């Protein structure tokens, strides 16, 4: 079995991510309200959630507003039988309750105390090969339900032997809320650092892998930088950091990486020069380049990545249904 840090496993995660990304559309409220049953052949993905979002006032569980504390939940997602879906697809219910034969639906969605969330996690990670935890940090323009179903799809389609943890920050889930989302990502870095530090100290945890997408890379890198500055290095149990389509200025990444101390985790970066979303971000920020859009064969990037032992996978030629090419 390949380890999470291997090239093959990293590619598997990213293919699962790239195939599953889709823009937010109009969806019915209460999509995470649990259904009473699933169907034969369906798969179930269980995850624990840590979030800096504020509780929702409707049926959506958590909102796009910023919470004052780190909140926790446990969610079980039913995924339709293989015959009824294409790998990579998140099949959204057109109405509620959804049909587990054709739609992603929840079977459980419970808010937990921190203590209960830790109990849930420890019971499962002890039974996971090498006691591996995978933390997913989503990107810009993601509502709570987007993050939940997307992560369930990634875990299912990658067939990863991990205990899944979703860290979700207060994205508005709107294309027009880029500035708010960026500030919310920064707002959440302390909470993510605290979560990572707690997991690293947990004796039941063997190793930790991180998968971040788009703007989620910003909060991830900032949390790791804070941890390294505080402790002299990133916690040793954090073995693999996978940065997919990172919406981060290249120059800022250089300074963050230099602060990580030694030894560092295995870093894998997934880039695509035809990423239209990052092209817009580049124009918004007026920066020379976004990390997720660089050509790893050009200098100075080639020399820097080789020097720093960073694995870079160029997905420019990978064809997906994403018109923005941001889901690679």
Protein backbone atom coordinates (compact mmCIF):
# COMPACT_ATOMS: atom_id res chain seq x y z
CA UNK A 1 0.00 0.00 0.00
CA UNK A 2 1.34 3.43 -0.90
CA UNK A 3 1.75 5.94 1.85
CA UNK A 4 -0.14 9.21 1.78
CA UNK A 5 3.06 11.08 1.04
CA UNK A 6 3.74 9.13 -2.14
CA UNK A 7 3.30 10.65 -5.56
CA UNK A 8 0.59 8.13 -6.42
CA UNK A 9 -1.52 8.81 -3.35
CA UNK A 10 -1.16 12.56 -3.75
CA UNK A 11 -2.28 12.30 -7.37
CA UNK A 12 -5.25 10.22 -6.25
CA UNK A 13 -6.36 12.89 -3.81
CA UNK A 14 -5.99 15.63 -6.38
CA UNK A 15 -7.82 13.76 -9.12
CA UNK A 16 -10.64 13.15 -6.66
CA UNK A 17 -10.61 16.85 -5.81
CA UNK A 18 -10.40 18.07 -9.40
CA UNK A 19 -13.23 15.91 -10.65
CA UNK A 20 -15.51 16.91 -7.82
CA UNK A 21 -15.23 20.68 -7.81
CA UNK A 22 -18.14 22.70 -9.11
CA UNK A 23 -19.38 26.22 -8.70
CA UNK A 24 -22.10 26.95 -6.19
CA UNK A 25 -25.55 26.98 -7.66
CA UNK A 26 -29.07 27.43 -6.38
CA UNK A 27 -29.81 24.62 -3.96
CA UNK A 28 -32.68 23.96 -1.58
CA UNK A 29 -32.33 24.87 2.09
CA UNK A 30 -31.91 22.07 4.58
CA UNK A 31 -29.76 19.94 2.31
CA UNK A 32 -27.86 18.58 5.33
CA UNK A 33 -30.99 17.54 7.24
CA UNK A 34 -30.48 13.78 7.66
CA UNK A 35 -32.61 11.28 5.78
CA UNK A 36 -33.93 8.22 7.58
CA UNK A 37 -32.40 5.55 5.36
CA UNK A 38 -29.85 4.76 2.70
CA UNK A 39 -30.02 2.14 -0.09
CA UNK A 40 -28.18 -1.10 -0.90
CA UNK A 41 -24.89 -0.42 -2.63
CA UNK A 42 -24.52 3.10 -1.23
CA UNK A 43 -21.31 4.04 0.58
CA UNK A 44 -21.06 5.99 3.82
CA UNK A 45 -18.28 8.45 4.67
CA UNK A 46 -18.06 9.60 8.27
CA UNK A 47 -16.14 12.71 9.23
CA UNK A 48 -15.57 15.00 12.17
CA UNK A 49 -15.85 18.73 11.50
CA UNK A 50 -14.01 21.61 13.14
CA UNK A 51 -15.22 25.03 12.08
CA UNK A 52 -14.82 28.74 12.75
CA UNK A 53 -18.23 29.37 11.18
CA UNK A 54 -21.10 30.68 13.28
CA UNK A 55 -24.13 28.43 13.74
CA UNK A 56 -26.82 28.95 11.12
CA UNK A 57 -30.23 30.32 12.05
CA UNK A 58 -31.92 28.06 9.52
CA UNK A 59 -31.51 24.39 8.61
CA UNK A 60 -28.01 24.77 7.16
CA UNK A 61 -26.16 23.87 10.41
CA UNK A 62 -23.36 26.46 9.99
CA UNK A 63 -23.40 29.78 8.16
CA UNK A 64 -20.90 31.98 6.34
CA UNK A 65 -20.61 34.28 9.37
CA UNK A 66 -17.60 34.15 11.67
CA UNK A 67 -18.01 32.27 14.90
CA UNK A 68 -16.43 33.36 18.17
CA UNK A 69 -15.15 29.88 19.04
CA UNK A 70 -14.12 26.69 17.29
CA UNK A 71 -17.20 24.49 16.90
CA UNK A 72 -17.41 20.77 16.19
CA UNK A 73 -19.77 18.35 14.48
CA UNK A 74 -20.00 14.77 13.29
CA UNK A 75 -21.49 14.07 9.87
CA UNK A 76 -22.15 10.86 7.96
CA UNK A 77 -22.67 11.23 4.20
CA UNK A 78 -24.33 8.59 2.04
CA UNK A 79 -22.93 8.39 -1.50
CA UNK A 80 -25.04 6.77 -4.25
CA UNK A 81 -24.17 3.31 -5.58
CA UNK A 82 -21.39 3.23 -8.17
CA UNK A 83 -23.83 2.35 -10.94
CA UNK A 84 -25.70 5.62 -10.35
CA UNK A 85 -22.82 8.09 -10.34
CA UNK A 86 -19.65 9.07 -12.14
CA UNK A 87 -16.47 9.04 -10.09
CA UNK A 88 -15.70 12.60 -9.08
CA UNK A 89 -19.28 13.83 -9.19
CA UNK A 90 -21.06 15.35 -6.23
CA UNK A 91 -24.70 14.69 -7.04
CA UNK A 92 -26.76 17.34 -5.30
CA UNK A 93 -30.39 16.81 -4.34
CA UNK A 94 -32.75 18.95 -6.41
CA UNK A 95 -35.21 18.92 -3.52
CA UNK A 96 -35.22 17.76 0.10
CA UNK A 97 -35.18 15.15 1.33
CA UNK A 98 -32.73 13.83 -1.23
CA UNK A 99 -32.86 10.36 -2.72
CA UNK A 100 -29.93 8.24 -1.46
CA UNK A 101 -30.12 6.13 -4.62
CA UNK A 102 -29.11 9.11 -6.77
CA UNK A 103 -28.04 11.95 -4.44
CA UNK A 104 -25.48 12.74 -1.79
CA UNK A 105 -27.44 12.87 1.48
CA UNK A 106 -26.59 12.95 5.17
CA UNK A 107 -27.50 10.16 7.55
CA UNK A 108 -26.27 12.01 10.64
CA UNK A 109 -25.37 15.63 11.25
CA UNK A 110 -24.82 16.36 14.93
CA UNK A 111 -23.16 19.29 16.66
CA UNK A 112 -20.64 18.03 19.23
CA UNK A 113 -18.77 19.43 22.18
CA UNK A 114 -15.00 19.47 21.83
CA UNK A 115 -14.76 16.53 24.22
CA UNK A 116 -17.30 14.49 22.27
CA UNK A 117 -15.57 15.32 18.99
CA UNK A 118 -12.25 14.12 20.42
CA UNK A 119 -13.85 10.88 21.62
CA UNK A 120 -15.38 10.31 18.16
CA UNK A 121 -12.03 10.94 16.48
CA UNK A 122 -9.92 8.81 18.82
CA UNK A 123 -12.19 5.78 18.53
CA UNK A 124 -11.81 5.84 14.75
CA UNK A 125 -8.18 6.85 14.33
CA UNK A 126 -7.08 3.91 16.52
CA UNK A 127 -8.61 1.57 13.93
CA UNK A 128 -7.13 3.38 10.92
CA UNK A 129 -3.99 1.94 9.27
CA UNK A 130 -0.94 3.72 10.70
CA UNK A 131 -3.45 5.83 12.68
CA UNK A 132 -3.54 8.40 9.89
CA UNK A 133 -5.65 11.55 9.98
CA UNK A 134 -6.43 13.60 6.86
CA UNK A 135 -7.43 17.24 7.29
CA UNK A 136 -9.11 19.00 4.36
CA UNK A 137 -9.23 22.80 4.12
CA UNK A 138 -11.52 24.03 1.35
CA UNK A 139 -11.14 27.14 -0.76
CA UNK A 140 -13.00 30.31 -1.63
CA UNK A 141 -16.72 30.34 -2.50
CA UNK A 142 -17.72 27.34 -0.39
CA UNK A 143 -20.78 27.10 1.77
CA UNK A 144 -20.77 24.64 4.65
CA UNK A 145 -22.61 21.96 2.71
CA UNK A 146 -20.24 22.41 -0.24
CA UNK A 147 -17.28 21.61 1.99
CA UNK A 148 -18.99 18.61 3.59
CA UNK A 149 -20.09 16.90 0.38
CA UNK A 150 -16.86 17.74 -1.43
CA UNK A 151 -14.72 16.20 1.29
CA UNK A 152 -16.93 13.12 1.42
CA UNK A 153 -16.46 12.74 -2.34
CA UNK A 154 -12.67 13.12 -2.05
CA UNK A 155 -12.39 10.54 0.74
CA UNK A 156 -14.67 8.08 -1.06
CA UNK A 157 -13.17 8.40 -4.54
CA UNK A 158 -9.55 8.35 -3.36
CA UNK A 159 -10.24 5.24 -1.24
CA UNK A 160 -7.88 6.67 1.34
CA UNK A 161 -7.27 4.70 4.57
CA UNK A 162 -7.62 7.75 6.83
CA UNK A 163 -9.75 9.26 9.54
CA UNK A 164 -11.28 12.36 7.87
CA UNK A 165 -11.30 15.78 9.51
CA UNK A 166 -12.92 18.73 7.76
CA UNK A 167 -11.68 22.16 8.78
CA UNK A 168 -14.14 24.67 7.37
CA UNK A 169 -13.77 28.42 7.68
CA UNK A 170 -16.39 31.17 7.15
CA UNK A 171 -16.63 31.45 3.38
CA UNK A 172 -19.75 33.26 2.17
CA UNK A 173 -20.16 30.87 -0.75
CA UNK A 174 -20.44 33.78 -3.16
CA UNK A 175 -18.29 34.79 -6.12
CA UNK A 176 -18.65 38.42 -5.03
CA UNK A 177 -17.27 37.80 -1.54
CA UNK A 178 -13.59 37.25 -2.37
CA UNK A 179 -12.40 39.93 0.04
CA UNK A 180 -14.59 38.68 2.88
CA UNK A 181 -13.43 35.12 2.28
CA UNK A 182 -9.77 36.12 2.32
CA UNK A 183 -10.21 37.94 5.62
CA UNK A 184 -12.14 34.98 7.02
CA UNK A 185 -9.30 32.65 6.06
CA UNK A 186 -6.86 34.86 7.97
CA UNK A 187 -9.33 35.02 10.87
CA UNK A 188 -9.22 31.22 11.08
CA UNK A 189 -5.47 30.60 11.14
CA UNK A 190 -5.19 30.59 14.95
CA UNK A 191 -7.97 28.02 15.21
CA UNK A 192 -6.36 25.79 12.58
CA UNK A 193 -3.00 26.00 14.32
CA UNK A 194 -4.66 25.03 17.60
CA UNK A 195 -6.40 22.10 15.95
CA UNK A 196 -3.20 20.85 14.31
CA UNK A 197 -1.22 21.22 17.53
CA UNK A 198 -3.84 19.28 19.46
CA UNK A 199 -3.83 16.45 16.92
CA UNK A 200 -0.04 16.33 16.92
CA UNK A 201 -0.01 15.91 20.71
CA UNK A 202 -2.69 13.19 20.66
CA UNK A 203 -1.00 9.85 21.47
CA UNK A 204 -3.61 8.01 19.40
CA UNK A 205 -2.51 9.80 16.22
CA UNK A 206 0.28 8.24 14.18
CA UNK A 207 0.59 10.78 11.39
CA UNK A 208 -1.25 13.73 9.89
CA UNK A 209 -1.72 14.71 6.26
CA UNK A 210 -3.15 18.02 5.09
CA UNK A 211 -4.96 18.66 1.81
CA UNK A 212 -5.75 22.31 1.06
CA UNK A 213 -7.38 23.82 -2.00
CA UNK A 214 -7.27 27.35 -3.44
CA UNK A 215 -7.66 29.99 -0.70
CA UNK A 216 -7.58 27.21 1.87
CA UNK A 217 -3.84 27.12 1.23
CA UNK A 218 -3.51 30.59 2.71
CA UNK A 219 -4.97 29.65 6.09
CA UNK A 220 -3.02 26.38 6.02
CA UNK A 221 0.36 27.96 5.34
CA UNK A 222 -0.25 30.71 7.88
CA UNK A 223 -1.20 28.19 10.57
CA UNK A 224 1.89 26.09 9.85
CA UNK A 225 4.09 29.19 9.89
CA UNK A 226 2.72 30.24 13.27
CA UNK A 227 3.29 26.74 14.62
CA UNK A 228 6.89 26.73 13.38
CA UNK A 229 7.65 30.18 14.76
CA UNK A 230 6.16 29.18 18.11
CA UNK A 231 7.90 25.80 18.36
CA UNK A 232 10.92 26.02 16.08
CA UNK A 233 9.47 23.63 13.50
CA UNK A 234 6.25 22.09 12.24
CA UNK A 235 5.04 19.25 14.47
CA UNK A 236 6.77 15.99 13.42
CA UNK A 237 3.50 14.07 13.08
CA UNK A 238 2.48 16.36 10.23
CA UNK A 239 4.10 14.29 7.48
CA UNK A 240 2.43 15.43 4.26
CA UNK A 241 1.15 18.81 3.09
CA UNK A 242 -0.65 18.82 -0.27
CA UNK A 243 -1.33 22.25 -1.77
CA UNK A 244 -3.84 22.13 -4.64
CA UNK A 245 -4.20 25.24 -6.84
CA UNK A 246 -2.78 27.46 -4.07
CA UNK A 247 -4.13 31.01 -4.23
CA UNK A 248 -0.99 32.39 -2.60
CA UNK A 249 1.53 34.95 -3.81
CA UNK A 250 4.79 33.21 -4.76
CA UNK A 251 6.94 35.69 -2.84
CA UNK A 252 4.86 35.24 0.30
CA UNK A 253 5.12 31.46 -0.02
CA UNK A 254 8.90 31.77 -0.11
CA UNK A 255 8.92 33.63 3.21
CA UNK A 256 6.41 31.24 4.77
CA UNK A 257 8.41 28.20 3.69
CA UNK A 258 11.64 29.65 5.08
CA UNK A 259 9.96 30.02 8.48
CA UNK A 260 8.89 26.36 8.67
CA UNK A 261 12.12 25.18 10.27
CA UNK A 262 13.69 21.75 9.78
CA UNK A 263 12.96 19.00 9.20
CA UNK A 264 9.87 19.85 7.18
CA UNK A 265 6.91 17.70 6.09
CA UNK A 266 6.73 16.39 2.54
CA UNK A 267 5.29 19.20 0.43
CA UNK A 268 3.43 18.53 -2.82
CA UNK A 269 2.11 21.41 -4.92
CA UNK A 270 -0.39 20.95 -7.76
CA UNK A 271 -0.18 23.68 -10.40
CA UNK A 272 -1.87 24.55 -13.68
CA UNK A 273 -0.86 27.43 -15.91
CA UNK A 274 -4.37 27.64 -17.41
CA UNK A 275 -6.09 28.21 -14.06
CA UNK A 276 -8.45 31.09 -14.87
CA UNK A 277 -9.50 31.67 -11.27
CA UNK A 278 -5.90 32.22 -10.22
CA UNK A 279 -5.41 34.52 -13.20
CA UNK A 280 -8.22 36.71 -11.86
CA UNK A 281 -6.69 36.56 -8.37
CA UNK A 282 -3.35 37.62 -9.80
CA UNK A 283 -5.00 40.68 -11.34
CA UNK A 284 -6.88 41.49 -8.13
CA UNK A 285 -3.72 41.40 -6.03
CA UNK A 286 -1.42 42.84 -8.68
CA UNK A 287 1.15 40.17 -7.89
CA UNK A 288 3.69 38.70 -10.27
CA UNK A 289 2.44 35.14 -9.89
CA UNK A 290 0.17 32.92 -7.82
CA UNK A 291 1.81 29.76 -6.56
CA UNK A 292 -0.77 27.49 -8.18
CA UNK A 293 -0.14 28.94 -11.63
CA UNK A 294 3.65 28.77 -11.94
CA UNK A 295 5.51 26.69 -14.52
CA UNK A 296 7.74 24.37 -12.46
CA UNK A 297 10.12 23.91 -15.41
CA UNK A 298 10.95 27.61 -15.55
CA UNK A 299 13.53 29.39 -13.45
CA UNK A 300 13.77 30.32 -10.68
CA UNK A 301 11.00 27.91 -9.72
CA UNK A 302 12.69 24.73 -10.92
CA UNK A 303 15.84 25.37 -8.92
CA UNK A 304 13.93 26.50 -5.83
CA UNK A 305 11.60 23.49 -5.80
CA UNK A 306 14.51 21.08 -6.25
CA UNK A 307 16.53 22.80 -3.53
CA UNK A 308 13.64 22.69 -1.08
CA UNK A 309 12.65 19.11 -1.99
CA UNK A 310 9.15 20.18 -2.98
CA UNK A 311 7.28 17.84 -5.32
CA UNK A 312 5.39 19.76 -7.99
CA UNK A 313 2.81 18.13 -10.26
CA UNK A 314 1.88 20.14 -13.33
CA UNK A 315 -1.75 19.43 -14.25
CA UNK A 316 -1.99 21.94 -17.11
CA UNK A 317 -2.74 19.20 -19.64
CA UNK A 318 -5.33 17.49 -17.46
CA UNK A 319 -8.81 17.98 -18.93
CA UNK A 320 -11.78 18.35 -16.57
CA UNK A 321 -15.32 19.72 -16.72
CA UNK A 322 -14.27 22.78 -14.71
CA UNK A 323 -14.46 25.77 -17.07
CA UNK A 324 -12.16 27.77 -14.79
CA UNK A 325 -9.55 24.99 -14.65
CA UNK A 326 -9.33 25.71 -10.93
CA UNK A 327 -10.41 22.28 -9.77
CA UNK A 328 -7.31 20.44 -10.97
